């Protein structure tokens, strides 16, 4: 039997029971893919993140309950929080290699700042499954890793009652619904039933697509965003060339041990 440490961190929140929970499993060497997927399925959180030491940093991988993904923001923030808070990492910046290239995380007082590649979305015709899945025709649709549906107001986003069977028909990872806001620069919700995530509480990687759109529309590079899930989460974002920085807080919910 092998024992592994596990941490459950609530990312993009200053306290437990808010933000997006991620399981963090530090490794010295990789487990079999099947084992990591089984751990993620057992955890049944939006993401379980694994990382191993590599060169001057780490290699990082993310698993939903049903499959591996190429990029995940909140679980990367959670992994960095564990390294800084519990595993004695003392350098000012963590370097993670991943399926999406180099990702970095810096500490800024109590906040952590992710540096990810930007993924500018392109305008698209709105698929019928997206319209049926969200229950309303968006003002505009765009796409990159996910479908992006732009609505008129925060009230439109809050009113969405997704039809997951329709959203599962779409060809992307998930659907981001977004709109301008009076209190924030913009708001969003994220649905990914195809990946076993009916609604993700806070989706860091979505903002690599949202920031190129909203910075152009609003005419400024630094934006304050809110994800309007039931748990909720706040993000401070900036577009810097072909990179996006995404900053937020994290809180510990659980520290334990896996026996496999």
C-alpha atoms as a PDB file:
ATOM      1  CA  UNK A   1       0.000   0.000   0.000  1.00  0.00           C
ATOM      2  CA  UNK A   2       1.222   3.495  -0.891  1.00  0.00           C
ATOM      3  CA  UNK A   3       0.334   6.588   1.140  1.00  0.00           C
ATOM      4  CA  UNK A   4       0.158   9.977  -0.535  1.00  0.00           C
ATOM      5  CA  UNK A   5      -0.550  13.395   0.958  1.00  0.00           C
ATOM      6  CA  UNK A   6      -3.641  15.217  -0.248  1.00  0.00           C
ATOM      7  CA  UNK A   7      -4.760  18.794   0.297  1.00  0.00           C
ATOM      8  CA  UNK A   8      -8.151  20.270  -0.537  1.00  0.00           C
ATOM      9  CA  UNK A   9      -7.861  23.975  -1.246  1.00  0.00           C
ATOM     10  CA  UNK A  10     -10.610  26.486  -1.954  1.00  0.00           C
ATOM     11  CA  UNK A  11      -9.154  28.660  -4.721  1.00  0.00           C
ATOM     12  CA  UNK A  12     -10.170  32.246  -5.502  1.00  0.00           C
ATOM     13  CA  UNK A  13     -11.547  32.692  -1.994  1.00  0.00           C
ATOM     14  CA  UNK A  14     -10.199  34.024   1.300  1.00  0.00           C
ATOM     15  CA  UNK A  15     -12.141  31.466   3.343  1.00  0.00           C
ATOM     16  CA  UNK A  16     -13.299  27.863   3.123  1.00  0.00           C
ATOM     17  CA  UNK A  17     -16.707  26.973   1.652  1.00  0.00           C
ATOM     18  CA  UNK A  18     -16.346  29.505  -1.179  1.00  0.00           C
ATOM     19  CA  UNK A  19     -14.337  29.732  -4.393  1.00  0.00           C
ATOM     20  CA  UNK A  20     -13.494  26.550  -6.287  1.00  0.00           C
ATOM     21  CA  UNK A  21     -12.273  23.459  -4.397  1.00  0.00           C
ATOM     22  CA  UNK A  22      -9.337  21.539  -5.863  1.00  0.00           C
ATOM     23  CA  UNK A  23      -7.562  18.448  -4.579  1.00  0.00           C
ATOM     24  CA  UNK A  24      -3.763  18.724  -4.653  1.00  0.00           C
ATOM     25  CA  UNK A  25      -1.617  15.563  -4.663  1.00  0.00           C
ATOM     26  CA  UNK A  26       2.148  16.278  -4.673  1.00  0.00           C
ATOM     27  CA  UNK A  27       4.224  13.439  -6.156  1.00  0.00           C
ATOM     28  CA  UNK A  28       7.915  12.593  -6.417  1.00  0.00           C
ATOM     29  CA  UNK A  29       7.284  10.531  -9.537  1.00  0.00           C
ATOM     30  CA  UNK A  30       4.272   9.964 -11.757  1.00  0.00           C
ATOM     31  CA  UNK A  31       1.612   7.420 -10.979  1.00  0.00           C
ATOM     32  CA  UNK A  32      -0.016   5.515 -13.829  1.00  0.00           C
ATOM     33  CA  UNK A  33      -2.545   7.655 -15.678  1.00  0.00           C
ATOM     34  CA  UNK A  34      -5.317   5.230 -14.722  1.00  0.00           C
ATOM     35  CA  UNK A  35      -4.473   5.626 -11.030  1.00  0.00           C
ATOM     36  CA  UNK A  36      -4.503   9.427 -11.231  1.00  0.00           C
ATOM     37  CA  UNK A  37      -7.828   9.340 -13.043  1.00  0.00           C
ATOM     38  CA  UNK A  38      -9.230   6.987 -10.391  1.00  0.00           C
ATOM     39  CA  UNK A  39      -8.087   9.371  -7.642  1.00  0.00           C
ATOM     40  CA  UNK A  40      -9.755  12.279  -9.427  1.00  0.00           C
ATOM     41  CA  UNK A  41     -12.951  10.293  -9.879  1.00  0.00           C
ATOM     42  CA  UNK A  42     -12.916   9.312  -6.195  1.00  0.00           C
ATOM     43  CA  UNK A  43     -12.389  12.936  -5.130  1.00  0.00           C
ATOM     44  CA  UNK A  44     -15.284  13.991  -7.400  1.00  0.00           C
ATOM     45  CA  UNK A  45     -14.159  17.622  -7.477  1.00  0.00           C
ATOM     46  CA  UNK A  46     -13.943  19.725 -10.617  1.00  0.00           C
ATOM     47  CA  UNK A  47     -10.167  19.160 -10.635  1.00  0.00           C
ATOM     48  CA  UNK A  48      -7.519  17.069  -8.945  1.00  0.00           C
ATOM     49  CA  UNK A  49      -4.013  18.337  -9.639  1.00  0.00           C
ATOM     50  CA  UNK A  50      -0.761  16.354  -9.557  1.00  0.00           C
ATOM     51  CA  UNK A  51       2.771  17.686  -9.909  1.00  0.00           C
ATOM     52  CA  UNK A  52       6.322  16.299  -9.799  1.00  0.00           C
ATOM     53  CA  UNK A  53       9.671  18.115  -9.458  1.00  0.00           C
ATOM     54  CA  UNK A  54      11.334  18.784 -12.812  1.00  0.00           C
ATOM     55  CA  UNK A  55      14.482  20.826 -13.604  1.00  0.00           C
ATOM     56  CA  UNK A  56      14.041  24.225 -11.881  1.00  0.00           C
ATOM     57  CA  UNK A  57      10.330  23.770 -11.266  1.00  0.00           C
ATOM     58  CA  UNK A  58       7.554  21.219 -11.619  1.00  0.00           C
ATOM     59  CA  UNK A  59       5.474  19.457 -14.248  1.00  0.00           C
ATOM     60  CA  UNK A  60       1.742  19.770 -13.549  1.00  0.00           C
ATOM     61  CA  UNK A  61      -1.306  17.794 -14.713  1.00  0.00           C
ATOM     62  CA  UNK A  62      -5.036  18.218 -14.041  1.00  0.00           C
ATOM     63  CA  UNK A  63      -7.860  15.649 -14.028  1.00  0.00           C
ATOM     64  CA  UNK A  64     -11.608  16.173 -13.834  1.00  0.00           C
ATOM     65  CA  UNK A  65     -13.721  13.256 -12.557  1.00  0.00           C
ATOM     66  CA  UNK A  66     -13.831  11.876 -16.122  1.00  0.00           C
ATOM     67  CA  UNK A  67     -10.718  13.020 -18.044  1.00  0.00           C
ATOM     68  CA  UNK A  68      -7.426  14.911 -18.129  1.00  0.00           C
ATOM     69  CA  UNK A  69      -7.507  18.564 -19.278  1.00  0.00           C
ATOM     70  CA  UNK A  70      -4.889  20.780 -20.922  1.00  0.00           C
ATOM     71  CA  UNK A  71      -5.213  23.782 -18.624  1.00  0.00           C
ATOM     72  CA  UNK A  72      -6.770  24.615 -15.273  1.00  0.00           C
ATOM     73  CA  UNK A  73      -6.420  27.861 -13.373  1.00  0.00           C
ATOM     74  CA  UNK A  74      -7.945  27.257  -9.962  1.00  0.00           C
ATOM     75  CA  UNK A  75      -6.109  23.955  -9.410  1.00  0.00           C
ATOM     76  CA  UNK A  76      -2.801  25.578 -10.431  1.00  0.00           C
ATOM     77  CA  UNK A  77      -3.446  28.304  -7.871  1.00  0.00           C
ATOM     78  CA  UNK A  78      -4.222  25.581  -5.310  1.00  0.00           C
ATOM     79  CA  UNK A  79      -1.009  23.671  -6.139  1.00  0.00           C
ATOM     80  CA  UNK A  80       1.067  26.843  -5.768  1.00  0.00           C
ATOM     81  CA  UNK A  81      -0.635  27.621  -2.458  1.00  0.00           C
ATOM     82  CA  UNK A  82       0.311  24.168  -1.135  1.00  0.00           C
ATOM     83  CA  UNK A  83       3.931  24.613  -2.281  1.00  0.00           C
ATOM     84  CA  UNK A  84       4.259  28.033  -0.650  1.00  0.00           C
ATOM     85  CA  UNK A  85       2.209  27.301   2.477  1.00  0.00           C
ATOM     86  CA  UNK A  86       3.089  23.685   3.337  1.00  0.00           C
ATOM     87  CA  UNK A  87       5.990  22.347   1.271  1.00  0.00           C
ATOM     88  CA  UNK A  88       8.595  25.006   1.996  1.00  0.00           C
ATOM     89  CA  UNK A  89       8.920  26.524  -1.468  1.00  0.00           C
ATOM     90  CA  UNK A  90      10.839  29.758  -0.868  1.00  0.00           C
ATOM     91  CA  UNK A  91      11.600  31.136  -4.340  1.00  0.00           C
ATOM     92  CA  UNK A  92       9.546  34.175  -5.439  1.00  0.00           C
ATOM     93  CA  UNK A  93       8.085  32.368  -8.465  1.00  0.00           C
ATOM     94  CA  UNK A  94       6.997  28.793  -9.177  1.00  0.00           C
ATOM     95  CA  UNK A  95       7.489  27.468 -12.717  1.00  0.00           C
ATOM     96  CA  UNK A  96       5.093  24.787 -13.917  1.00  0.00           C
ATOM     97  CA  UNK A  97       5.543  23.025 -17.254  1.00  0.00           C
ATOM     98  CA  UNK A  98       2.295  21.658 -18.665  1.00  0.00           C
ATOM     99  CA  UNK A  99       0.379  20.566 -21.744  1.00  0.00           C
ATOM    100  CA  UNK A 100      -0.231  24.303 -22.267  1.00  0.00           C
ATOM    101  CA  UNK A 101       3.432  25.284 -21.966  1.00  0.00           C
ATOM    102  CA  UNK A 102       5.072  27.308 -19.208  1.00  0.00           C
ATOM    103  CA  UNK A 103       2.854  28.603 -16.399  1.00  0.00           C
ATOM    104  CA  UNK A 104       4.147  30.655 -13.477  1.00  0.00           C
ATOM    105  CA  UNK A 105       2.752  31.660 -10.098  1.00  0.00           C
ATOM    106  CA  UNK A 106       3.990  34.479  -7.857  1.00  0.00           C
ATOM    107  CA  UNK A 107       3.097  35.439  -4.307  1.00  0.00           C
ATOM    108  CA  UNK A 108       1.882  39.010  -3.804  1.00  0.00           C
ATOM    109  CA  UNK A 109       1.182  39.414  -0.079  1.00  0.00           C
ATOM    110  CA  UNK A 110      -1.723  37.010   0.506  1.00  0.00           C
ATOM    111  CA  UNK A 111      -2.749  36.856  -3.141  1.00  0.00           C
ATOM    112  CA  UNK A 112      -1.307  34.479  -5.739  1.00  0.00           C
ATOM    113  CA  UNK A 113      -0.884  35.575  -9.354  1.00  0.00           C
ATOM    114  CA  UNK A 114      -1.053  33.090 -12.217  1.00  0.00           C
ATOM    115  CA  UNK A 115       0.655  33.900 -15.519  1.00  0.00           C
ATOM    116  CA  UNK A 116      -0.964  31.952 -18.373  1.00  0.00           C
ATOM    117  CA  UNK A 117      -0.947  32.163 -22.173  1.00  0.00           C
ATOM    118  CA  UNK A 118      -3.799  34.239 -23.578  1.00  0.00           C
ATOM    119  CA  UNK A 119      -6.332  32.389 -25.753  1.00  0.00           C
ATOM    120  CA  UNK A 120      -8.092  35.049 -27.834  1.00  0.00           C
ATOM    121  CA  UNK A 121     -11.545  33.863 -28.959  1.00  0.00           C
ATOM    122  CA  UNK A 122     -12.905  34.324 -32.471  1.00  0.00           C
ATOM    123  CA  UNK A 123     -16.470  35.393 -33.387  1.00  0.00           C
ATOM    124  CA  UNK A 124     -18.696  32.458 -34.363  1.00  0.00           C
ATOM    125  CA  UNK A 125     -22.266  31.716 -35.344  1.00  0.00           C
ATOM    126  CA  UNK A 126     -24.160  30.654 -32.208  1.00  0.00           C
ATOM    127  CA  UNK A 127     -24.926  26.911 -32.322  1.00  0.00           C
ATOM    128  CA  UNK A 128     -28.513  25.925 -31.677  1.00  0.00           C
ATOM    129  CA  UNK A 129     -27.427  23.590 -28.847  1.00  0.00           C
ATOM    130  CA  UNK A 130     -25.826  26.557 -27.079  1.00  0.00           C
ATOM    131  CA  UNK A 131     -28.991  28.659 -27.399  1.00  0.00           C
ATOM    132  CA  UNK A 132     -31.161  25.784 -26.174  1.00  0.00           C
ATOM    133  CA  UNK A 133     -28.643  24.895 -23.461  1.00  0.00           C
ATOM    134  CA  UNK A 134     -28.596  28.414 -22.006  1.00  0.00           C
ATOM    135  CA  UNK A 135     -32.284  29.115 -22.640  1.00  0.00           C
ATOM    136  CA  UNK A 136     -31.698  32.447 -24.388  1.00  0.00           C
ATOM    137  CA  UNK A 137     -29.991  33.720 -27.529  1.00  0.00           C
ATOM    138  CA  UNK A 138     -26.747  35.583 -26.678  1.00  0.00           C
ATOM    139  CA  UNK A 139     -25.871  38.972 -28.140  1.00  0.00           C
ATOM    140  CA  UNK A 140     -22.743  37.343 -29.596  1.00  0.00           C
ATOM    141  CA  UNK A 141     -20.857  34.045 -29.610  1.00  0.00           C
ATOM    142  CA  UNK A 142     -17.103  33.483 -29.720  1.00  0.00           C
ATOM    143  CA  UNK A 143     -14.936  30.406 -29.328  1.00  0.00           C
ATOM    144  CA  UNK A 144     -11.477  29.114 -28.495  1.00  0.00           C
ATOM    145  CA  UNK A 145     -11.043  26.329 -25.935  1.00  0.00           C
ATOM    146  CA  UNK A 146     -14.645  26.964 -24.911  1.00  0.00           C
ATOM    147  CA  UNK A 147     -17.748  28.564 -26.357  1.00  0.00           C
ATOM    148  CA  UNK A 148     -18.296  32.108 -25.076  1.00  0.00           C
ATOM    149  CA  UNK A 149     -21.829  33.505 -24.977  1.00  0.00           C
ATOM    150  CA  UNK A 150     -22.039  37.272 -24.422  1.00  0.00           C
ATOM    151  CA  UNK A 151     -25.177  38.665 -22.783  1.00  0.00           C
ATOM    152  CA  UNK A 152     -26.438  42.139 -21.991  1.00  0.00           C
ATOM    153  CA  UNK A 153     -26.402  42.180 -18.199  1.00  0.00           C
ATOM    154  CA  UNK A 154     -25.445  40.461 -14.968  1.00  0.00           C
ATOM    155  CA  UNK A 155     -29.129  39.656 -14.469  1.00  0.00           C
ATOM    156  CA  UNK A 156     -29.069  37.617 -17.693  1.00  0.00           C
ATOM    157  CA  UNK A 157     -26.171  35.535 -16.360  1.00  0.00           C
ATOM    158  CA  UNK A 158     -27.818  34.942 -12.994  1.00  0.00           C
ATOM    159  CA  UNK A 159     -31.062  33.855 -14.691  1.00  0.00           C
ATOM    160  CA  UNK A 160     -29.471  31.021 -16.704  1.00  0.00           C
ATOM    161  CA  UNK A 161     -30.800  27.559 -15.849  1.00  0.00           C
ATOM    162  CA  UNK A 162     -28.640  25.350 -18.060  1.00  0.00           C
ATOM    163  CA  UNK A 163     -29.927  22.380 -20.014  1.00  0.00           C
ATOM    164  CA  UNK A 164     -26.906  20.106 -19.668  1.00  0.00           C
ATOM    165  CA  UNK A 165     -28.082  17.543 -22.211  1.00  0.00           C
ATOM    166  CA  UNK A 166     -28.049  20.295 -24.860  1.00  0.00           C
ATOM    167  CA  UNK A 167     -24.684  21.698 -23.738  1.00  0.00           C
ATOM    168  CA  UNK A 168     -23.137  18.214 -23.959  1.00  0.00           C
ATOM    169  CA  UNK A 169     -23.787  18.256 -27.719  1.00  0.00           C
ATOM    170  CA  UNK A 170     -21.290  21.087 -28.243  1.00  0.00           C
ATOM    171  CA  UNK A 171     -17.806  20.414 -29.599  1.00  0.00           C
ATOM    172  CA  UNK A 172     -15.801  22.471 -27.070  1.00  0.00           C
ATOM    173  CA  UNK A 173     -14.688  21.838 -23.480  1.00  0.00           C
ATOM    174  CA  UNK A 174     -17.485  23.964 -22.074  1.00  0.00           C
ATOM    175  CA  UNK A 175     -19.571  27.143 -22.295  1.00  0.00           C
ATOM    176  CA  UNK A 176     -18.753  30.493 -20.697  1.00  0.00           C
ATOM    177  CA  UNK A 177     -21.656  32.897 -20.243  1.00  0.00           C
ATOM    178  CA  UNK A 178     -20.473  36.465 -19.640  1.00  0.00           C
ATOM    179  CA  UNK A 179     -21.790  40.040 -19.378  1.00  0.00           C
ATOM    180  CA  UNK A 180     -20.790  43.484 -18.128  1.00  0.00           C
ATOM    181  CA  UNK A 181     -21.528  44.377 -14.514  1.00  0.00           C
ATOM    182  CA  UNK A 182     -22.081  47.506 -12.416  1.00  0.00           C
ATOM    183  CA  UNK A 183     -19.935  46.334  -9.492  1.00  0.00           C
ATOM    184  CA  UNK A 184     -17.314  44.404 -11.496  1.00  0.00           C
ATOM    185  CA  UNK A 185     -15.852  44.976 -14.936  1.00  0.00           C
ATOM    186  CA  UNK A 186     -17.510  41.754 -16.062  1.00  0.00           C
ATOM    187  CA  UNK A 187     -19.084  38.589 -14.691  1.00  0.00           C
ATOM    188  CA  UNK A 188     -19.200  34.999 -15.909  1.00  0.00           C
ATOM    189  CA  UNK A 189     -20.473  31.470 -15.327  1.00  0.00           C
ATOM    190  CA  UNK A 190     -18.968  28.265 -16.721  1.00  0.00           C
ATOM    191  CA  UNK A 191     -20.662  24.978 -17.664  1.00  0.00           C
ATOM    192  CA  UNK A 192     -18.821  21.817 -18.717  1.00  0.00           C
ATOM    193  CA  UNK A 193     -21.112  18.766 -18.404  1.00  0.00           C
ATOM    194  CA  UNK A 194     -19.078  16.914 -21.045  1.00  0.00           C
ATOM    195  CA  UNK A 195     -16.141  16.935 -18.610  1.00  0.00           C
ATOM    196  CA  UNK A 196     -18.212  15.932 -15.592  1.00  0.00           C
ATOM    197  CA  UNK A 197     -18.579  19.525 -14.330  1.00  0.00           C
ATOM    198  CA  UNK A 198     -22.210  20.730 -14.589  1.00  0.00           C
ATOM    199  CA  UNK A 199     -21.179  24.176 -13.314  1.00  0.00           C
ATOM    200  CA  UNK A 200     -17.659  25.091 -12.252  1.00  0.00           C
ATOM    201  CA  UNK A 201     -17.546  27.469  -9.261  1.00  0.00           C
ATOM    202  CA  UNK A 202     -14.543  29.527 -10.497  1.00  0.00           C
ATOM    203  CA  UNK A 203     -12.744  28.747 -13.755  1.00  0.00           C
ATOM    204  CA  UNK A 204      -9.325  30.407 -13.936  1.00  0.00           C
ATOM    205  CA  UNK A 205      -8.529  29.146 -17.427  1.00  0.00           C
ATOM    206  CA  UNK A 206     -11.733  30.712 -18.800  1.00  0.00           C
ATOM    207  CA  UNK A 207     -10.233  34.149 -18.171  1.00  0.00           C
ATOM    208  CA  UNK A 208      -7.409  33.479 -20.632  1.00  0.00           C
ATOM    209  CA  UNK A 209     -10.191  33.664 -23.236  1.00  0.00           C
ATOM    210  CA  UNK A 210     -12.384  36.315 -21.596  1.00  0.00           C
ATOM    211  CA  UNK A 211      -9.618  38.868 -21.026  1.00  0.00           C
ATOM    212  CA  UNK A 212      -8.724  39.433 -24.717  1.00  0.00           C
ATOM    213  CA  UNK A 213     -12.426  40.044 -25.415  1.00  0.00           C
ATOM    214  CA  UNK A 214     -13.196  42.287 -22.457  1.00  0.00           C
ATOM    215  CA  UNK A 215      -9.986  44.350 -22.590  1.00  0.00           C
ATOM    216  CA  UNK A 216     -10.741  45.241 -26.214  1.00  0.00           C
ATOM    217  CA  UNK A 217     -14.391  45.972 -25.481  1.00  0.00           C
ATOM    218  CA  UNK A 218     -13.771  48.014 -22.310  1.00  0.00           C
ATOM    219  CA  UNK A 219     -10.534  49.675 -23.437  1.00  0.00           C
ATOM    220  CA  UNK A 220      -8.397  48.790 -20.412  1.00  0.00           C
ATOM    221  CA  UNK A 221      -5.905  46.036 -19.609  1.00  0.00           C
ATOM    222  CA  UNK A 222      -6.589  45.452 -15.894  1.00  0.00           C
ATOM    223  CA  UNK A 223     -10.035  44.114 -15.004  1.00  0.00           C
ATOM    224  CA  UNK A 224     -11.853  42.943 -11.878  1.00  0.00           C
ATOM    225  CA  UNK A 225     -14.155  39.973 -12.455  1.00  0.00           C
ATOM    226  CA  UNK A 226     -16.635  37.844 -10.533  1.00  0.00           C
ATOM    227  CA  UNK A 227     -17.767  34.301 -11.287  1.00  0.00           C
ATOM    228  CA  UNK A 228     -21.431  34.083 -10.360  1.00  0.00           C
ATOM    229  CA  UNK A 229     -21.672  30.486  -9.194  1.00  0.00           C
ATOM    230  CA  UNK A 230     -23.390  29.653  -5.905  1.00  0.00           C
ATOM    231  CA  UNK A 231     -19.959  29.558  -4.196  1.00  0.00           C
ATOM    232  CA  UNK A 232     -18.631  32.565  -6.107  1.00  0.00           C
ATOM    233  CA  UNK A 233     -15.108  33.811  -6.658  1.00  0.00           C
ATOM    234  CA  UNK A 234     -13.250  37.059  -7.385  1.00  0.00           C
ATOM    235  CA  UNK A 235     -10.405  37.468  -9.874  1.00  0.00           C
ATOM    236  CA  UNK A 236      -8.040  40.354 -10.601  1.00  0.00           C
ATOM    237  CA  UNK A 237      -6.856  40.009 -14.205  1.00  0.00           C
ATOM    238  CA  UNK A 238      -4.493  41.789 -16.564  1.00  0.00           C
ATOM    239  CA  UNK A 239      -3.690  41.275 -20.246  1.00  0.00           C
ATOM    240  CA  UNK A 240       0.054  41.660 -20.877  1.00  0.00           C
ATOM    241  CA  UNK A 241       0.912  41.042 -24.518  1.00  0.00           C
ATOM    242  CA  UNK A 242       0.152  37.410 -25.258  1.00  0.00           C
ATOM    243  CA  UNK A 243      -0.142  36.484 -21.558  1.00  0.00           C
ATOM    244  CA  UNK A 244      -2.889  36.893 -18.968  1.00  0.00           C
ATOM    245  CA  UNK A 245      -2.277  37.282 -15.251  1.00  0.00           C
ATOM    246  CA  UNK A 246      -5.045  36.039 -12.958  1.00  0.00           C
ATOM    247  CA  UNK A 247      -4.778  36.790  -9.248  1.00  0.00           C
ATOM    248  CA  UNK A 248      -6.789  35.471  -6.333  1.00  0.00           C
ATOM    249  CA  UNK A 249      -6.730  34.135  -2.814  1.00  0.00           C
ATOM    250  CA  UNK A 250      -6.790  30.555  -1.494  1.00  0.00           C
ATOM    251  CA  UNK A 251      -7.842  28.843   1.735  1.00  0.00           C
ATOM    252  CA  UNK A 252      -7.220  25.375   3.163  1.00  0.00           C
ATOM    253  CA  UNK A 253     -10.183  23.119   3.767  1.00  0.00           C
ATOM    254  CA  UNK A 254      -8.570  19.708   4.303  1.00  0.00           C
ATOM    255  CA  UNK A 255      -5.189  18.011   4.766  1.00  0.00           C
ATOM    256  CA  UNK A 256      -5.149  14.231   4.623  1.00  0.00           C
ATOM    257  CA  UNK A 257      -3.685  11.050   3.226  1.00  0.00           C
ATOM    258  CA  UNK A 258      -4.605   8.716   0.377  1.00  0.00           C
ATOM    259  CA  UNK A 259      -3.953   4.982   0.716  1.00  0.00           C
ATOM    260  CA  UNK A 260      -3.720   3.143  -2.588  1.00  0.00           C
END
